[in-house]
Amino acid sequence: RRPHGIAEDAMILQNLRDYLNDMGKARLAAKEDEAVLQIADVLLGVGEKAVEHYDSGDLDTRDPRAKAVMNARLLFGIVLGYTACDTVKSLAAARPSERTLRLNGQFSLQRDRFRQIERDVYDNTPVQDRILENVG
């Protein structure tokens, strides 16, 4: 066990999210719908794994710094999940079809699941709401 984990975990997740989000927007503009859906699947899968394994046993939880690493893994896992849902929502809005609308509904359920995890963990105040409070 490492004393406080890899501080780069969150940075890796954030960079992956940024890269895939940009790629998804480019594929959406190029009307490559299958690529957009594949990107959304990857974002969702990585987000779910980050949330599922935020405390994967590799951290010494007696060290207070470990809690920060765990929270960062969880936060960016949730952000990846939200990004996946937003990607499918954008596709459904741009080119509505029976399939994209059905997938949007499925991803909306995933979004609700991520939001519930976020509420359970982060003091019943979603991160997006806290950001808006601090900015506004």
N, C-alpha and C. Protein backbone atom coordinates (compact mmCIF):
# COMPACT_ATOMS: atom_id res chain seq x y z
N ARG A 1 0.83 -1.20 0.00
CA ARG A 1 0.00 0.00 0.00
C ARG A 1 0.87 1.25 0.00
N ARG A 2 0.45 2.17 -0.81
CA ARG A 2 1.15 3.45 -0.82
C ARG A 2 0.59 4.31 0.30
N PRO A 3 1.42 5.18 0.86
CA PRO A 3 0.93 5.98 1.98
C PRO A 3 -0.25 6.88 1.62
N HIS A 4 -0.19 7.50 0.45
CA HIS A 4 -1.31 8.39 0.10
C HIS A 4 -1.67 8.36 -1.37
N GLY A 5 -1.31 7.33 -2.08
CA GLY A 5 -1.77 7.14 -3.45
C GLY A 5 -1.04 7.99 -4.46
N ILE A 6 -1.52 7.90 -5.67
CA ILE A 6 -0.92 8.67 -6.76
C ILE A 6 -1.69 9.96 -6.91
N ALA A 7 -1.02 11.05 -6.70
CA ALA A 7 -1.69 12.35 -6.81
C ALA A 7 -2.15 12.62 -8.23
N GLU A 8 -1.54 11.93 -9.18
CA GLU A 8 -1.86 12.16 -10.59
C GLU A 8 -3.15 11.48 -11.04
N ASP A 9 -3.76 10.65 -10.21
CA ASP A 9 -4.98 9.95 -10.60
C ASP A 9 -6.02 10.92 -11.16
N ALA A 10 -6.28 11.97 -10.42
CA ALA A 10 -7.29 12.95 -10.85
C ALA A 10 -6.85 13.66 -12.12
N MET A 11 -5.58 13.96 -12.23
CA MET A 11 -5.08 14.65 -13.42
C MET A 11 -5.23 13.75 -14.66
N ILE A 12 -4.95 12.47 -14.51
CA ILE A 12 -5.11 11.54 -15.62
C ILE A 12 -6.57 11.49 -16.05
N LEU A 13 -7.48 11.38 -15.09
CA LEU A 13 -8.90 11.34 -15.40
C LEU A 13 -9.36 12.64 -16.06
N GLN A 14 -8.88 13.76 -15.55
CA GLN A 14 -9.27 15.05 -16.12
C GLN A 14 -8.75 15.19 -17.55
N ASN A 15 -7.50 14.83 -17.78
CA ASN A 15 -6.94 14.93 -19.13
C ASN A 15 -7.66 14.00 -20.11
N LEU A 16 -7.98 12.80 -19.65
CA LEU A 16 -8.72 11.87 -20.49
C LEU A 16 -10.09 12.44 -20.84
N ARG A 17 -10.74 13.01 -19.86
CA ARG A 17 -12.05 13.62 -20.08
C ARG A 17 -11.95 14.77 -21.09
N ASP A 18 -10.98 15.63 -20.92
CA ASP A 18 -10.82 16.77 -21.84
C ASP A 18 -10.55 16.30 -23.26
N TYR A 19 -9.66 15.34 -23.41
CA TYR A 19 -9.30 14.83 -24.73
C TYR A 19 -10.50 14.19 -25.41
N LEU A 20 -11.19 13.29 -24.69
CA LEU A 20 -12.33 12.60 -25.28
C LEU A 20 -13.50 13.54 -25.53
N ASN A 21 -13.69 14.52 -24.67
CA ASN A 21 -14.76 15.48 -24.88
C ASN A 21 -14.52 16.29 -26.16
N ASP A 22 -13.28 16.74 -26.34
CA ASP A 22 -12.95 17.47 -27.57
C ASP A 22 -13.11 16.59 -28.80
N MET A 23 -12.69 15.33 -28.69
CA MET A 23 -12.83 14.40 -29.80
C MET A 23 -14.32 14.16 -30.11
N GLY A 24 -15.11 14.03 -29.07
CA GLY A 24 -16.55 13.83 -29.25
C GLY A 24 -17.21 15.00 -29.96
N LYS A 25 -16.82 16.21 -29.58
CA LYS A 25 -17.37 17.40 -30.24
C LYS A 25 -16.97 17.44 -31.72
N ALA A 26 -15.73 17.08 -32.01
CA ALA A 26 -15.27 17.06 -33.40
C ALA A 26 -16.02 16.01 -34.21
N ARG A 27 -16.23 14.84 -33.63
CA ARG A 27 -16.94 13.77 -34.33
C ARG A 27 -18.42 14.13 -34.51
N LEU A 28 -18.99 14.83 -33.54
CA LEU A 28 -20.37 15.28 -33.65
C LEU A 28 -20.51 16.26 -34.81
N ALA A 29 -19.57 17.19 -34.91
CA ALA A 29 -19.58 18.17 -36.00
C ALA A 29 -19.37 17.49 -37.35
N ALA A 30 -18.58 16.41 -37.36
CA ALA A 30 -18.32 15.68 -38.61
C ALA A 30 -19.41 14.66 -38.92
N LYS A 31 -20.43 14.62 -38.08
CA LYS A 31 -21.57 13.69 -38.25
C LYS A 31 -21.15 12.23 -38.23
N GLU A 32 -20.19 11.93 -37.40
CA GLU A 32 -19.74 10.55 -37.19
C GLU A 32 -20.38 10.01 -35.91
N ASP A 33 -21.66 9.68 -36.03
CA ASP A 33 -22.46 9.34 -34.86
C ASP A 33 -21.96 8.11 -34.11
N GLU A 34 -21.51 7.10 -34.83
CA GLU A 34 -21.00 5.89 -34.16
C GLU A 34 -19.77 6.21 -33.31
N ALA A 35 -18.91 7.07 -33.83
CA ALA A 35 -17.72 7.46 -33.07
C ALA A 35 -18.12 8.23 -31.81
N VAL A 36 -19.13 9.07 -31.93
CA VAL A 36 -19.62 9.84 -30.77
C VAL A 36 -20.13 8.87 -29.70
N LEU A 37 -20.88 7.88 -30.12
CA LEU A 37 -21.41 6.91 -29.16
C LEU A 37 -20.31 6.07 -28.52
N GLN A 38 -19.29 5.72 -29.29
CA GLN A 38 -18.17 4.98 -28.73
C GLN A 38 -17.42 5.82 -27.70
N ILE A 39 -17.25 7.10 -27.99
CA ILE A 39 -16.58 7.99 -27.05
C ILE A 39 -17.40 8.10 -25.77
N ALA A 40 -18.70 8.23 -25.92
CA ALA A 40 -19.57 8.31 -24.73
C ALA A 40 -19.47 7.03 -23.90
N ASP A 41 -19.42 5.88 -24.57
CA ASP A 41 -19.28 4.61 -23.85
C ASP A 41 -17.97 4.55 -23.07
N VAL A 42 -16.89 5.01 -23.68
CA VAL A 42 -15.59 5.02 -22.99
C VAL A 42 -15.64 5.96 -21.79
N LEU A 43 -16.17 7.15 -21.99
CA LEU A 43 -16.28 8.11 -20.88
C LEU A 43 -17.09 7.52 -19.73
N LEU A 44 -18.22 6.92 -20.06
CA LEU A 44 -19.07 6.33 -19.03
C LEU A 44 -18.36 5.18 -18.34
N GLY A 45 -17.72 4.30 -19.11
CA GLY A 45 -17.03 3.16 -18.53
C GLY A 45 -15.91 3.56 -17.58
N VAL A 46 -15.10 4.52 -18.00
CA VAL A 46 -14.00 4.97 -17.15
C VAL A 46 -14.55 5.68 -15.91
N GLY A 47 -15.58 6.48 -16.10
CA GLY A 47 -16.20 7.16 -14.96
C GLY A 47 -16.74 6.17 -13.94
N GLU A 48 -17.43 5.13 -14.44
CA GLU A 48 -17.96 4.11 -13.53
C GLU A 48 -16.84 3.39 -12.80
N LYS A 49 -15.77 3.05 -13.52
CA LYS A 49 -14.64 2.37 -12.88
C LYS A 49 -13.98 3.24 -11.81
N ALA A 50 -13.83 4.53 -12.11
CA ALA A 50 -13.21 5.43 -11.14
C ALA A 50 -14.06 5.53 -9.87
N VAL A 51 -15.37 5.60 -10.05
CA VAL A 51 -16.26 5.67 -8.89
C VAL A 51 -16.26 4.35 -8.14
N GLU A 52 -16.34 3.26 -8.88
CA GLU A 52 -16.40 1.93 -8.28
C GLU A 52 -15.13 1.61 -7.49
N HIS A 53 -13.98 2.07 -8.00
CA HIS A 53 -12.71 1.70 -7.39
C HIS A 53 -12.01 2.89 -6.73
N TYR A 54 -12.78 3.87 -6.31
CA TYR A 54 -12.12 5.05 -5.73
C TYR A 54 -11.32 4.67 -4.50
N ASP A 55 -11.76 3.65 -3.77
CA ASP A 55 -10.96 3.13 -2.67
C ASP A 55 -10.60 1.69 -3.02
N SER A 56 -9.62 1.56 -3.89
CA SER A 56 -9.28 0.24 -4.42
C SER A 56 -8.33 -0.54 -3.53
N GLY A 57 -8.11 -0.05 -2.33
CA GLY A 57 -7.24 -0.77 -1.42
C GLY A 57 -5.77 -0.46 -1.59
N ASP A 58 -5.45 0.47 -2.48
CA ASP A 58 -4.05 0.80 -2.71
C ASP A 58 -3.58 1.94 -1.82
N LEU A 59 -4.48 2.48 -1.03
CA LEU A 59 -4.15 3.63 -0.19
C LEU A 59 -4.12 3.26 1.28
N ASP A 60 -3.26 3.90 2.02
CA ASP A 60 -3.23 3.75 3.46
C ASP A 60 -4.21 4.77 4.03
N THR A 61 -5.39 4.33 4.36
CA THR A 61 -6.45 5.26 4.77
C THR A 61 -6.18 5.90 6.14
N ARG A 62 -5.12 5.48 6.80
CA ARG A 62 -4.75 6.16 8.05
C ARG A 62 -4.09 7.49 7.77
N ASP A 63 -3.57 7.63 6.56
CA ASP A 63 -2.92 8.88 6.16
C ASP A 63 -4.00 9.84 5.65
N PRO A 64 -4.09 11.03 6.23
CA PRO A 64 -5.14 11.98 5.81
C PRO A 64 -5.07 12.36 4.33
N ARG A 65 -3.88 12.29 3.75
CA ARG A 65 -3.75 12.64 2.33
C ARG A 65 -4.45 11.63 1.43
N ALA A 66 -4.62 10.41 1.93
CA ALA A 66 -5.30 9.39 1.14
C ALA A 66 -6.75 9.79 0.86
N LYS A 67 -7.38 10.44 1.81
CA LYS A 67 -8.78 10.87 1.62
C LYS A 67 -8.89 11.84 0.45
N ALA A 68 -7.92 12.72 0.29
CA ALA A 68 -7.95 13.68 -0.82
C ALA A 68 -7.84 12.95 -2.16
N VAL A 69 -6.99 11.94 -2.23
CA VAL A 69 -6.83 11.17 -3.47
C VAL A 69 -8.13 10.42 -3.76
N MET A 70 -8.72 9.82 -2.74
CA MET A 70 -9.97 9.09 -2.94
C MET A 70 -11.07 10.04 -3.43
N ASN A 71 -11.17 11.20 -2.81
CA ASN A 71 -12.19 12.16 -3.23
C ASN A 71 -11.96 12.65 -4.66
N ALA A 72 -10.71 12.84 -5.03
CA ALA A 72 -10.41 13.28 -6.40
C ALA A 72 -10.78 12.20 -7.41
N ARG A 73 -10.49 10.95 -7.10
CA ARG A 73 -10.89 9.86 -7.99
C ARG A 73 -12.41 9.84 -8.16
N LEU A 74 -13.09 9.96 -7.06
CA LEU A 74 -14.55 9.93 -7.08
C LEU A 74 -15.12 11.11 -7.85
N LEU A 75 -14.61 12.29 -7.57
CA LEU A 75 -15.11 13.50 -8.24
C LEU A 75 -14.92 13.41 -9.75
N PHE A 76 -13.73 13.05 -10.19
CA PHE A 76 -13.49 13.02 -11.63
C PHE A 76 -14.18 11.83 -12.29
N GLY A 77 -14.43 10.77 -11.55
CA GLY A 77 -15.26 9.69 -12.08
C GLY A 77 -16.67 10.18 -12.36
N ILE A 78 -17.20 10.96 -11.46
CA ILE A 78 -18.54 11.54 -11.64
C ILE A 78 -18.54 12.51 -12.81
N VAL A 79 -17.50 13.33 -12.92
CA VAL A 79 -17.41 14.29 -14.03
C VAL A 79 -17.34 13.55 -15.37
N LEU A 80 -16.59 12.46 -15.44
CA LEU A 80 -16.55 11.66 -16.67
C LEU A 80 -17.93 11.11 -17.01
N GLY A 81 -18.64 10.65 -16.00
CA GLY A 81 -20.00 10.15 -16.24
C GLY A 81 -20.93 11.23 -16.76
N TYR A 82 -20.85 12.40 -16.17
CA TYR A 82 -21.67 13.53 -16.64
C TYR A 82 -21.31 13.88 -18.09
N THR A 83 -20.03 13.87 -18.40
CA THR A 83 -19.60 14.23 -19.76
C THR A 83 -20.13 13.21 -20.76
N ALA A 84 -20.13 11.94 -20.41
CA ALA A 84 -20.69 10.91 -21.29
C ALA A 84 -22.16 11.18 -21.56
N CYS A 85 -22.88 11.51 -20.53
CA CYS A 85 -24.32 11.79 -20.68
C CYS A 85 -24.55 13.03 -21.53
N ASP A 86 -23.75 14.05 -21.32
CA ASP A 86 -23.88 15.28 -22.12
C ASP A 86 -23.55 15.03 -23.59
N THR A 87 -22.59 14.14 -23.84
CA THR A 87 -22.22 13.81 -25.22
C THR A 87 -23.38 13.17 -25.96
N VAL A 88 -24.04 12.21 -25.31
CA VAL A 88 -25.18 11.55 -25.95
C VAL A 88 -26.35 12.51 -26.09
N LYS A 89 -26.53 13.37 -25.10
CA LYS A 89 -27.61 14.37 -25.16
C LYS A 89 -27.39 15.31 -26.35
N SER A 90 -26.16 15.73 -26.57
CA SER A 90 -25.84 16.60 -27.71
C SER A 90 -26.12 15.90 -29.03
N LEU A 91 -25.78 14.61 -29.10
CA LEU A 91 -26.04 13.85 -30.32
C LEU A 91 -27.55 13.74 -30.57
N ALA A 92 -28.29 13.44 -29.52
CA ALA A 92 -29.74 13.31 -29.67
C ALA A 92 -30.38 14.63 -30.09
N ALA A 93 -29.85 15.74 -29.59
CA ALA A 93 -30.38 17.05 -29.98
C ALA A 93 -30.01 17.41 -31.41
N ALA A 94 -28.79 17.05 -31.81
CA ALA A 94 -28.32 17.39 -33.15
C ALA A 94 -28.98 16.55 -34.23
N ARG A 95 -29.10 15.25 -33.95
CA ARG A 95 -29.66 14.34 -34.95
C ARG A 95 -30.60 13.35 -34.26
N PRO A 96 -31.81 13.82 -33.94
CA PRO A 96 -32.73 12.93 -33.23
C PRO A 96 -33.17 11.75 -34.10
N SER A 97 -33.08 10.60 -33.54
CA SER A 97 -33.59 9.39 -34.18
C SER A 97 -34.10 8.51 -33.04
N GLU A 98 -34.77 7.46 -33.41
CA GLU A 98 -35.28 6.57 -32.37
C GLU A 98 -34.13 6.04 -31.50
N ARG A 99 -33.04 5.68 -32.16
CA ARG A 99 -31.89 5.12 -31.44
C ARG A 99 -31.23 6.14 -30.51
N THR A 100 -30.95 7.35 -31.03
CA THR A 100 -30.27 8.34 -30.19
C THR A 100 -31.15 8.79 -29.03
N LEU A 101 -32.47 8.88 -29.28
CA LEU A 101 -33.37 9.26 -28.19
C LEU A 101 -33.45 8.16 -27.13
N ARG A 102 -33.45 6.90 -27.57
CA ARG A 102 -33.45 5.78 -26.62
C ARG A 102 -32.16 5.77 -25.80
N LEU A 103 -31.03 5.94 -26.48
CA LEU A 103 -29.75 5.99 -25.77
C LEU A 103 -29.67 7.18 -24.83
N ASN A 104 -30.22 8.31 -25.25
CA ASN A 104 -30.24 9.48 -24.38
C ASN A 104 -31.02 9.17 -23.10
N GLY A 105 -32.12 8.45 -23.23
CA GLY A 105 -32.89 8.06 -22.05
C GLY A 105 -32.09 7.15 -21.13
N GLN A 106 -31.36 6.21 -21.72
CA GLN A 106 -30.54 5.30 -20.92
C GLN A 106 -29.41 6.06 -20.22
N PHE A 107 -28.78 6.97 -20.94
CA PHE A 107 -27.69 7.74 -20.33
C PHE A 107 -28.24 8.70 -19.27
N SER A 108 -29.47 9.16 -19.44
CA SER A 108 -30.07 10.03 -18.43
C SER A 108 -30.24 9.27 -17.11
N LEU A 109 -30.58 7.99 -17.21
CA LEU A 109 -30.66 7.18 -16.00
C LEU A 109 -29.30 7.07 -15.33
N GLN A 110 -28.25 6.93 -16.14
CA GLN A 110 -26.89 6.88 -15.59
C GLN A 110 -26.55 8.21 -14.92
N ARG A 111 -26.95 9.31 -15.55
CA ARG A 111 -26.71 10.64 -14.98
C ARG A 111 -27.37 10.75 -13.61
N ASP A 112 -28.59 10.27 -13.51
CA ASP A 112 -29.29 10.29 -12.22
C ASP A 112 -28.53 9.47 -11.18
N ARG A 113 -27.98 8.33 -11.61
CA ARG A 113 -27.20 7.50 -10.69
C ARG A 113 -25.95 8.23 -10.20
N PHE A 114 -25.24 8.89 -11.14
CA PHE A 114 -24.06 9.65 -10.75
C PHE A 114 -24.44 10.81 -9.82
N ARG A 115 -25.56 11.46 -10.11
CA ARG A 115 -25.98 12.57 -9.27
C ARG A 115 -26.29 12.08 -7.85
N GLN A 116 -26.90 10.91 -7.73
CA GLN A 116 -27.20 10.36 -6.41
C GLN A 116 -25.91 10.04 -5.65
N ILE A 117 -24.93 9.47 -6.35
CA ILE A 117 -23.64 9.19 -5.72
C ILE A 117 -23.02 10.49 -5.24
N GLU A 118 -23.09 11.50 -6.10
CA GLU A 118 -22.53 12.80 -5.76
C GLU A 118 -23.20 13.37 -4.52
N ARG A 119 -24.51 13.28 -4.46
CA ARG A 119 -25.24 13.80 -3.29
C ARG A 119 -24.87 13.03 -2.03
N ASP A 120 -24.78 11.71 -2.16
CA ASP A 120 -24.46 10.88 -0.99
C ASP A 120 -23.08 11.22 -0.44
N VAL A 121 -22.14 11.46 -1.33
CA VAL A 121 -20.76 11.65 -0.91
C VAL A 121 -20.46 13.10 -0.56
N TYR A 122 -20.95 14.02 -1.36
CA TYR A 122 -20.57 15.42 -1.20
C TYR A 122 -21.62 16.23 -0.50
N ASP A 123 -22.03 15.78 0.65
CA ASP A 123 -22.80 16.62 1.55
C ASP A 123 -24.15 17.06 0.99
N ASN A 124 -24.73 16.26 0.14
CA ASN A 124 -26.03 16.55 -0.45
C ASN A 124 -26.08 17.84 -1.24
N THR A 125 -24.94 18.37 -1.64
CA THR A 125 -24.89 19.56 -2.49
C THR A 125 -24.08 19.21 -3.72
N PRO A 126 -24.75 19.08 -4.88
CA PRO A 126 -23.99 18.74 -6.09
C PRO A 126 -22.88 19.73 -6.38
N VAL A 127 -21.78 19.24 -6.91
CA VAL A 127 -20.62 20.04 -7.21
C VAL A 127 -21.00 21.19 -8.14
N GLN A 128 -21.81 20.93 -9.14
CA GLN A 128 -22.20 21.98 -10.08
C GLN A 128 -22.87 23.13 -9.35
N ASP A 129 -23.76 22.81 -8.39
CA ASP A 129 -24.44 23.86 -7.63
C ASP A 129 -23.45 24.67 -6.80
N ARG A 130 -22.47 23.98 -6.17
CA ARG A 130 -21.47 24.70 -5.37
C ARG A 130 -20.63 25.63 -6.24
N ILE A 131 -20.29 25.14 -7.44
CA ILE A 131 -19.49 25.98 -8.35
C ILE A 131 -20.29 27.22 -8.72
N LEU A 132 -21.55 27.05 -9.05
CA LEU A 132 -22.39 28.20 -9.42
C LEU A 132 -22.55 29.17 -8.26
N GLU A 133 -22.68 28.65 -7.05
CA GLU A 133 -22.77 29.52 -5.87
C GLU A 133 -21.51 30.36 -5.73
N ASN A 134 -20.35 29.73 -5.91
CA ASN A 134 -19.09 30.43 -5.73
C ASN A 134 -18.77 31.40 -6.85
N VAL A 135 -19.25 31.09 -8.05
CA VAL A 135 -18.98 31.97 -9.19
C VAL A 135 -19.96 33.13 -9.21
N GLY A 136 -21.22 32.82 -8.95
CA GLY A 136 -22.27 33.83 -9.07
C GLY A 136 -22.28 34.74 -7.90
